Each structure stands twice: as structure tokens, then as C-alpha cells.
Amino acid sequence: MILALVGLVHAEGVASVGGVLGDLSQVLTDLEAGQIQITHLSMGIVFDDGVGYSVPVTLGEGEDIRIVGFGDRERIANLDIYVFDERGELVAQDDATDNLPIVPLIAPRAGTYDVRVVIADPMPEWDLGFFAVAMGYESAIPPVSAVEPFEVTLAAAQVLEENGYQFIHAQWLTLSPEETGFVQTRVDDWVMCTAYAGSSPSRTKKLDIYAADPMDQPRGHDRRHGALGMVDFVPVPPGEWMFALNARKLQRGFTDTHAVVVVGCSDEF
């Protein structure tokens, strides 16, 4: 199905994710104004294939989160979200006729949940579009703003598009110095790809990124650029590529940070 997007790139140049990023800015602002602490955000390409895009999220029993999705208004008329537990049972959903599904969820048990983003109605002549899903929890104190990782995401996407790379995937998460965060995305049918990694500069001094191919073989790393990093890679073999993020050093007084990976690909060297 990625071939459909390759065709779009050839026909019209790089398909910009800028519209979704503009909507994302407003969604994050509204969530934070409502005392929602953002902990996870994924962006990507979803196809009108009845299957949708799967965003895994690990939750503890009784963990109370809000899931907010939105679709590419140029290409998606109606976007739905379904949440499945590890048994494959549907535990929550929003299938209303709109482009902004909102799903409150109290995890019935600990485990990894499948947040499934599905196109219910594409715009005419389209069978794919960009999407974003943000997740977070109600906070009794003012939430840590997501503005900085959003700005990193926006800047990386703009650089990729300006250099003729098609945005494929972006994901950010919360990291402490003691943990490694993992971002996984499928990469097919491209000649060259780049993964940008960034974090909140006010909270992070050193952020490392490591790339591994679908055979779990290391294919690149960057430990040179402080709170920013970049890995170029050729997606051979195609499939599920993994990016590991490690917040090696935080600014004084902080115990965690937001970190982001943005992936773009080109069909030319």
C-alpha cells in the first residue's frame, strides 16, 4: 500500500503533513488547557483498507487515560478509534461520524493495548491520509507542556519535506534517564530514509538514537548532537524498523523528558 503514496510523491511532489501538524498544535493546546498531561503521541499514514493503523500502548491495571485522534482533513472525512486488549477483545471505541475521535479508557487489566486508527470514510479519490493520536491522563498539577517536542517534530518534518523526503512516521514518548524508549514503524519501498531524534532542550542535555533493521541488526546510531540526533539508513530489508532512544543526561532538576523520532524516506539517493 505504500506504493500508493510513492505514486502520489511522483505525481505531485512530497505530500505535506503540515496540515495535520497545524491541527495537532491546537489539539495539544486544548488538552493541556484541560489539565491533560500528554505522555504519548504517534503520527503516520493510515489506509482505507478496513484494518487501519495499530498504535500499541502499555498500561497498568486501572490506569485512566484519554485517547484523542484526528485525521488529515484533506484526505479523511471520518476517522474512528477502536481499542483492543491483549486477548483481542474490544474494550473502548469512538465510531461517531467525525474526524476527531475521543476515547476515555480505564485499563481493565495490565498489558499492551492496541489503539487502532481506522478510516471510516475517505475523501473522494483518496484511500489514505495522515493521522495523529495523542494520549494522556488528567493531572492535578499544571501539565508539562508538549510545545517543545511538537516544535522538534514540526521542524524535522519541514526539513525532510524541503529535502524531498516523504514523512512516514513520528512518535514521541516520555523518558527517564534509567529507561530506553522504543519506536517501531514499518518502512517499505524506499531507497533512502532518515530518522531524526529530538527532545525537550530545556530538560535534556544528551539524547542517543540507535536504529535496528527488521532482523534486529544494528544499522546506525548517533550520540554526538546533545539533545538532537540523526540516522540515515537504507531500508533493506524492508519491514518493521526499530529506533531506541536513551536520555543519557537530563538538565539539572529534571527526572524525565519528552523525546521524539521523526522518519522520512525518499525514492532517490
Protein backbone atom coordinates (compact mmCIF):
# COMPACT_ATOMS: atom_id res chain seq x y z
CA MET A 1 0.00 0.00 0.00
CA ILE A 2 2.95 2.36 0.44
CA LEU A 3 3.17 2.27 -3.37
CA ALA A 4 0.08 4.46 -3.43
CA LEU A 5 1.98 7.14 -1.58
CA VAL A 6 5.02 6.69 -3.82
CA GLY A 7 2.73 7.37 -6.76
CA LEU A 8 1.46 10.48 -5.06
CA VAL A 9 5.01 11.71 -4.48
CA HIS A 10 5.90 11.22 -8.15
CA ALA A 11 2.72 12.93 -9.33
CA GLU A 12 2.54 15.92 -7.04
CA GLY A 13 5.80 16.14 -5.11
CA VAL A 14 6.06 15.36 -1.42
CA ALA A 15 2.68 15.07 0.29
CA SER A 16 2.92 17.53 3.18
CA VAL A 17 1.95 16.59 6.72
CA GLY A 18 1.80 20.31 7.58
CA GLY A 19 -1.98 20.42 7.84
CA VAL A 20 -2.08 17.66 10.44
CA LEU A 21 0.74 19.33 12.39
CA GLY A 22 -1.26 22.56 12.45
CA ASP A 23 -4.28 20.72 13.86
CA LEU A 24 -2.01 18.92 16.32
CA SER A 25 -0.84 22.21 17.78
CA GLN A 26 -4.42 23.21 18.60
CA VAL A 27 -5.36 19.75 19.94
CA LEU A 28 -2.37 19.69 22.30
CA THR A 29 -3.14 23.24 23.46
CA ASP A 30 -6.74 22.30 24.23
CA LEU A 31 -5.75 19.09 26.06
CA GLU A 32 -3.19 20.86 28.23
CA ALA A 33 -5.68 23.64 28.99
CA GLY A 34 -7.97 20.87 30.29
CA GLN A 35 -5.22 19.61 32.64
CA ILE A 36 -4.31 16.59 30.48
CA GLN A 37 -0.67 15.53 30.73
CA ILE A 38 0.42 14.24 27.31
CA THR A 39 2.53 11.09 27.59
CA HIS A 40 2.45 9.60 24.10
CA LEU A 41 1.86 10.78 20.56
CA SER A 42 2.01 8.88 17.26
CA MET A 43 1.63 10.19 13.71
CA GLY A 44 1.65 8.24 10.50
CA ILE A 45 -0.16 7.17 7.34
CA VAL A 46 -3.40 5.20 7.56
CA PHE A 47 -5.01 3.42 4.60
CA ASP A 48 -8.67 2.86 3.80
CA ASP A 49 -8.27 -0.90 3.97
CA GLY A 50 -10.61 -1.80 6.83
CA VAL A 51 -7.65 -2.73 9.03
CA GLY A 52 -6.28 0.67 9.97
CA TYR A 53 -3.09 1.59 11.81
CA SER A 54 -2.15 -0.04 15.11
CA VAL A 55 -0.65 2.09 17.91
CA PRO A 56 0.43 -0.10 20.86
CA VAL A 57 0.29 1.37 24.37
CA THR A 58 1.29 -0.36 27.60
CA LEU A 59 -0.95 0.37 30.59
CA GLY A 60 -1.22 -0.73 34.19
CA GLU A 61 -4.44 -2.09 35.64
CA GLY A 62 -6.85 0.74 36.40
CA GLU A 63 -4.73 3.31 34.55
CA ASP A 64 -7.02 6.10 33.38
CA ILE A 65 -6.12 7.77 30.09
CA ARG A 66 -7.72 9.81 27.36
CA ILE A 67 -7.03 8.98 23.71
CA VAL A 68 -7.60 11.70 21.12
CA GLY A 69 -7.16 11.15 17.40
CA PHE A 70 -7.58 13.34 14.37
CA GLY A 71 -7.36 12.81 10.65
CA ASP A 72 -5.98 14.60 7.64
CA ARG A 73 -8.87 16.87 6.67
CA GLU A 74 -7.68 16.96 3.05
CA ARG A 75 -7.90 13.17 2.68
CA ILE A 76 -10.03 11.75 5.53
CA ALA A 77 -13.68 12.65 6.12
CA ASN A 78 -14.34 10.34 9.08
CA LEU A 79 -11.78 8.74 11.41
CA ASP A 80 -12.58 6.16 14.11
CA ILE A 81 -10.61 4.65 17.01
CA TYR A 82 -11.04 1.15 18.45
CA VAL A 83 -9.09 -0.14 21.46
CA PHE A 84 -8.39 -3.88 21.84
CA ASP A 85 -6.81 -5.68 24.79
CA GLU A 86 -4.18 -8.42 24.55
CA ARG A 87 -6.92 -11.00 24.07
CA GLY A 88 -8.19 -9.15 21.01
CA GLU A 89 -11.36 -8.04 22.80
CA LEU A 90 -12.78 -4.59 22.07
CA VAL A 91 -12.69 -2.54 25.28
CA ALA A 92 -13.41 1.02 24.04
CA GLN A 93 -14.21 2.88 20.84
CA ASP A 94 -15.34 6.09 19.18
CA ASP A 95 -17.02 5.44 15.84
CA ALA A 96 -19.02 8.67 15.65
CA THR A 97 -19.16 10.40 12.29
CA ASP A 98 -16.41 12.97 12.73
CA ASN A 99 -12.69 13.46 12.27
CA LEU A 100 -11.83 13.85 15.97
CA PRO A 101 -12.42 10.59 17.85
CA ILE A 102 -12.03 10.79 21.64
CA VAL A 103 -11.82 7.63 23.73
CA PRO A 104 -11.66 7.65 27.56
CA LEU A 105 -10.19 4.39 28.84
CA ILE A 106 -9.67 2.83 32.26
CA ALA A 107 -7.49 -0.20 31.61
CA PRO A 108 -9.35 -3.30 32.89
CA ARG A 109 -6.02 -5.13 33.33
CA ALA A 110 -2.31 -4.54 32.89
CA GLY A 111 -0.98 -5.16 29.40
CA THR A 112 -0.31 -3.77 25.95
CA TYR A 113 -3.38 -2.37 24.25
CA ASP A 114 -3.91 -1.98 20.51
CA VAL A 115 -5.21 1.51 19.72
CA ARG A 116 -6.49 1.02 16.19
CA VAL A 117 -6.97 4.06 13.93
CA VAL A 118 -9.40 3.33 11.08
CA ILE A 119 -10.61 5.41 8.14
CA ALA A 120 -14.38 5.10 8.15
CA ASP A 121 -14.82 7.47 5.21
CA PRO A 122 -12.05 8.81 2.96
CA MET A 123 -12.36 11.98 0.92
CA PRO A 124 -13.20 11.35 -2.76
CA GLU A 125 -10.29 9.98 -4.80
CA TRP A 126 -8.21 9.18 -1.70
CA ASP A 127 -7.56 5.85 0.00
CA LEU A 128 -5.06 7.08 2.58
CA GLY A 129 -4.26 10.05 4.77
CA PHE A 130 -2.15 11.25 7.65
CA PHE A 131 -3.34 10.85 11.23
CA ALA A 132 -2.24 11.67 14.77
CA VAL A 133 -3.15 10.09 18.11
CA ALA A 134 -2.35 11.75 21.45
CA MET A 135 -2.72 10.05 24.83
CA GLY A 136 -2.52 11.36 28.36
CA TYR A 137 -4.02 11.48 31.82
CA GLU A 138 -5.73 14.08 33.97
CA SER A 139 -3.20 15.91 36.12
CA ALA A 140 -3.84 17.67 39.42
CA ILE A 141 -0.91 19.99 38.71
CA PRO A 142 -0.19 22.03 35.58
CA PRO A 143 0.98 19.56 32.90
CA VAL A 144 4.49 19.62 31.44
CA SER A 145 3.97 21.36 28.13
CA ALA A 146 4.27 19.39 24.89
CA VAL A 147 5.23 22.54 22.97
CA GLU A 148 8.95 21.71 22.75
CA PRO A 149 8.61 18.18 21.32
CA PHE A 150 5.91 19.49 18.98
CA GLU A 151 8.32 22.15 17.70
CA VAL A 152 11.02 19.48 17.18
CA THR A 153 8.52 17.34 15.27
CA LEU A 154 7.42 20.28 13.11
CA ALA A 155 10.99 21.35 12.34
CA ALA A 156 12.09 17.80 11.44
CA ALA A 157 9.08 17.26 9.17
CA GLN A 158 9.75 20.56 7.40
CA VAL A 159 13.43 19.71 6.83
CA LEU A 160 12.51 16.28 5.46
CA GLU A 161 9.94 17.70 3.06
CA GLU A 162 12.26 20.50 1.91
CA ASN A 163 14.83 17.83 1.01
CA GLY A 164 12.34 15.75 -0.96
CA TYR A 165 11.73 13.15 1.76
CA GLN A 166 8.21 11.91 2.39
CA PHE A 167 7.10 11.97 6.04
CA ILE A 168 6.34 8.40 7.12
CA HIS A 169 6.05 8.31 10.89
CA ALA A 170 6.56 10.36 14.04
CA GLN A 171 6.28 9.26 17.63
CA TRP A 172 7.18 10.74 20.96
CA LEU A 173 7.08 9.43 24.46
CA THR A 174 8.19 10.22 27.98
CA LEU A 175 11.65 9.03 29.07
CA SER A 176 13.51 8.91 32.36
CA PRO A 177 17.32 8.56 32.47
CA GLU A 178 17.00 4.95 33.62
CA GLU A 179 14.95 3.71 30.67
CA THR A 180 15.17 3.23 26.93
CA GLY A 181 12.19 4.10 24.78
CA PHE A 182 11.41 2.19 21.59
CA VAL A 183 9.73 3.44 18.43
CA GLN A 184 8.79 0.92 15.77
CA THR A 185 7.46 1.60 12.28
CA ARG A 186 7.16 -0.26 9.02
CA VAL A 187 9.36 1.03 6.18
CA ASP A 188 8.90 -0.37 2.66
CA ASP A 189 9.64 0.51 -0.96
CA TRP A 190 12.04 3.41 -0.42
CA VAL A 191 15.66 3.97 -1.45
CA MET A 192 16.91 6.11 1.45
CA CYS A 193 15.46 7.13 4.81
CA THR A 194 16.36 9.44 7.68
CA ALA A 195 15.29 9.27 11.32
CA TYR A 196 15.56 12.47 13.34
CA ALA A 197 15.53 12.26 17.14
CA GLY A 198 14.98 15.18 19.45
CA SER A 199 13.83 16.04 22.93
CA SER A 200 12.84 18.99 25.08
CA PRO A 201 16.01 21.14 25.12
CA SER A 202 15.04 22.73 28.41
CA ARG A 203 15.00 19.27 30.04
CA THR A 204 17.62 17.23 28.14
CA LYS A 205 21.37 17.51 27.62
CA LYS A 206 22.10 14.22 25.84
CA LEU A 207 19.77 12.07 23.75
CA ASP A 208 21.03 8.98 21.90
CA ILE A 209 19.31 7.22 18.99
CA TYR A 210 20.01 3.71 17.71
CA ALA A 211 18.47 2.12 14.60
CA ALA A 212 17.93 -1.61 14.04
CA ASP A 213 16.59 -3.37 10.94
CA PRO A 214 13.77 -5.97 10.86
CA MET A 215 16.36 -8.69 11.59
CA ASP A 216 17.24 -6.83 14.81
CA GLN A 217 20.66 -5.95 13.44
CA PRO A 218 22.11 -2.54 14.41
CA ARG A 219 22.22 -0.22 11.40
CA GLY A 220 23.26 3.13 12.84
CA HIS A 221 23.46 5.33 15.89
CA ASP A 222 24.06 8.95 16.86
CA ARG A 223 25.48 10.03 20.21
CA ARG A 224 27.08 13.28 19.04
CA HIS A 225 24.49 16.02 18.98
CA GLY A 226 23.36 16.57 22.53
CA ALA A 227 19.57 16.76 22.60
CA LEU A 228 19.31 16.18 18.82
CA GLY A 229 20.35 13.23 16.66
CA MET A 230 20.02 11.87 13.11
CA VAL A 231 20.47 8.45 11.50
CA ASP A 232 20.46 7.82 7.74
CA PHE A 233 19.59 4.28 6.67
CA VAL A 234 18.73 2.24 3.59
CA PRO A 235 15.54 0.24 4.33
CA VAL A 236 16.92 -3.12 3.27
CA PRO A 237 15.39 -5.43 4.25
CA PRO A 238 12.01 -3.69 4.32
CA GLY A 239 9.74 -4.27 7.28
CA GLU A 240 9.49 -3.21 10.91
CA TRP A 241 12.41 -0.94 11.79
CA MET A 242 13.15 -0.17 15.44
CA PHE A 243 14.59 3.02 16.92
CA ALA A 244 15.82 3.08 20.51
CA LEU A 245 16.01 6.38 22.41
CA ASN A 246 18.00 6.93 25.55
CA ALA A 247 18.00 10.17 27.54
CA ARG A 248 21.59 9.85 28.66
CA LYS A 249 21.70 13.12 30.59
CA LEU A 250 18.96 15.50 31.73
CA GLN A 251 19.18 19.11 32.71
CA ARG A 252 19.65 19.70 36.43
CA GLY A 253 16.49 19.24 38.49
CA PHE A 254 14.51 17.17 35.95
CA THR A 255 13.57 13.49 36.24
CA ASP A 256 12.08 12.90 32.79
CA THR A 257 11.74 14.37 29.31
CA HIS A 258 9.68 14.09 26.15
CA ALA A 259 11.58 12.54 23.23
CA VAL A 260 10.58 12.24 19.57
CA VAL A 261 11.55 10.28 16.45
CA VAL A 262 10.53 11.56 13.01
CA VAL A 263 11.07 9.27 9.99
CA GLY A 264 11.07 10.32 6.36
CA CYS A 265 12.03 8.50 3.17
CA SER A 266 12.92 9.21 -0.44
CA ASP A 267 12.87 7.12 -3.61
CA GLU A 268 16.15 8.71 -4.72
CA PHE A 269 19.70 8.70 -3.37
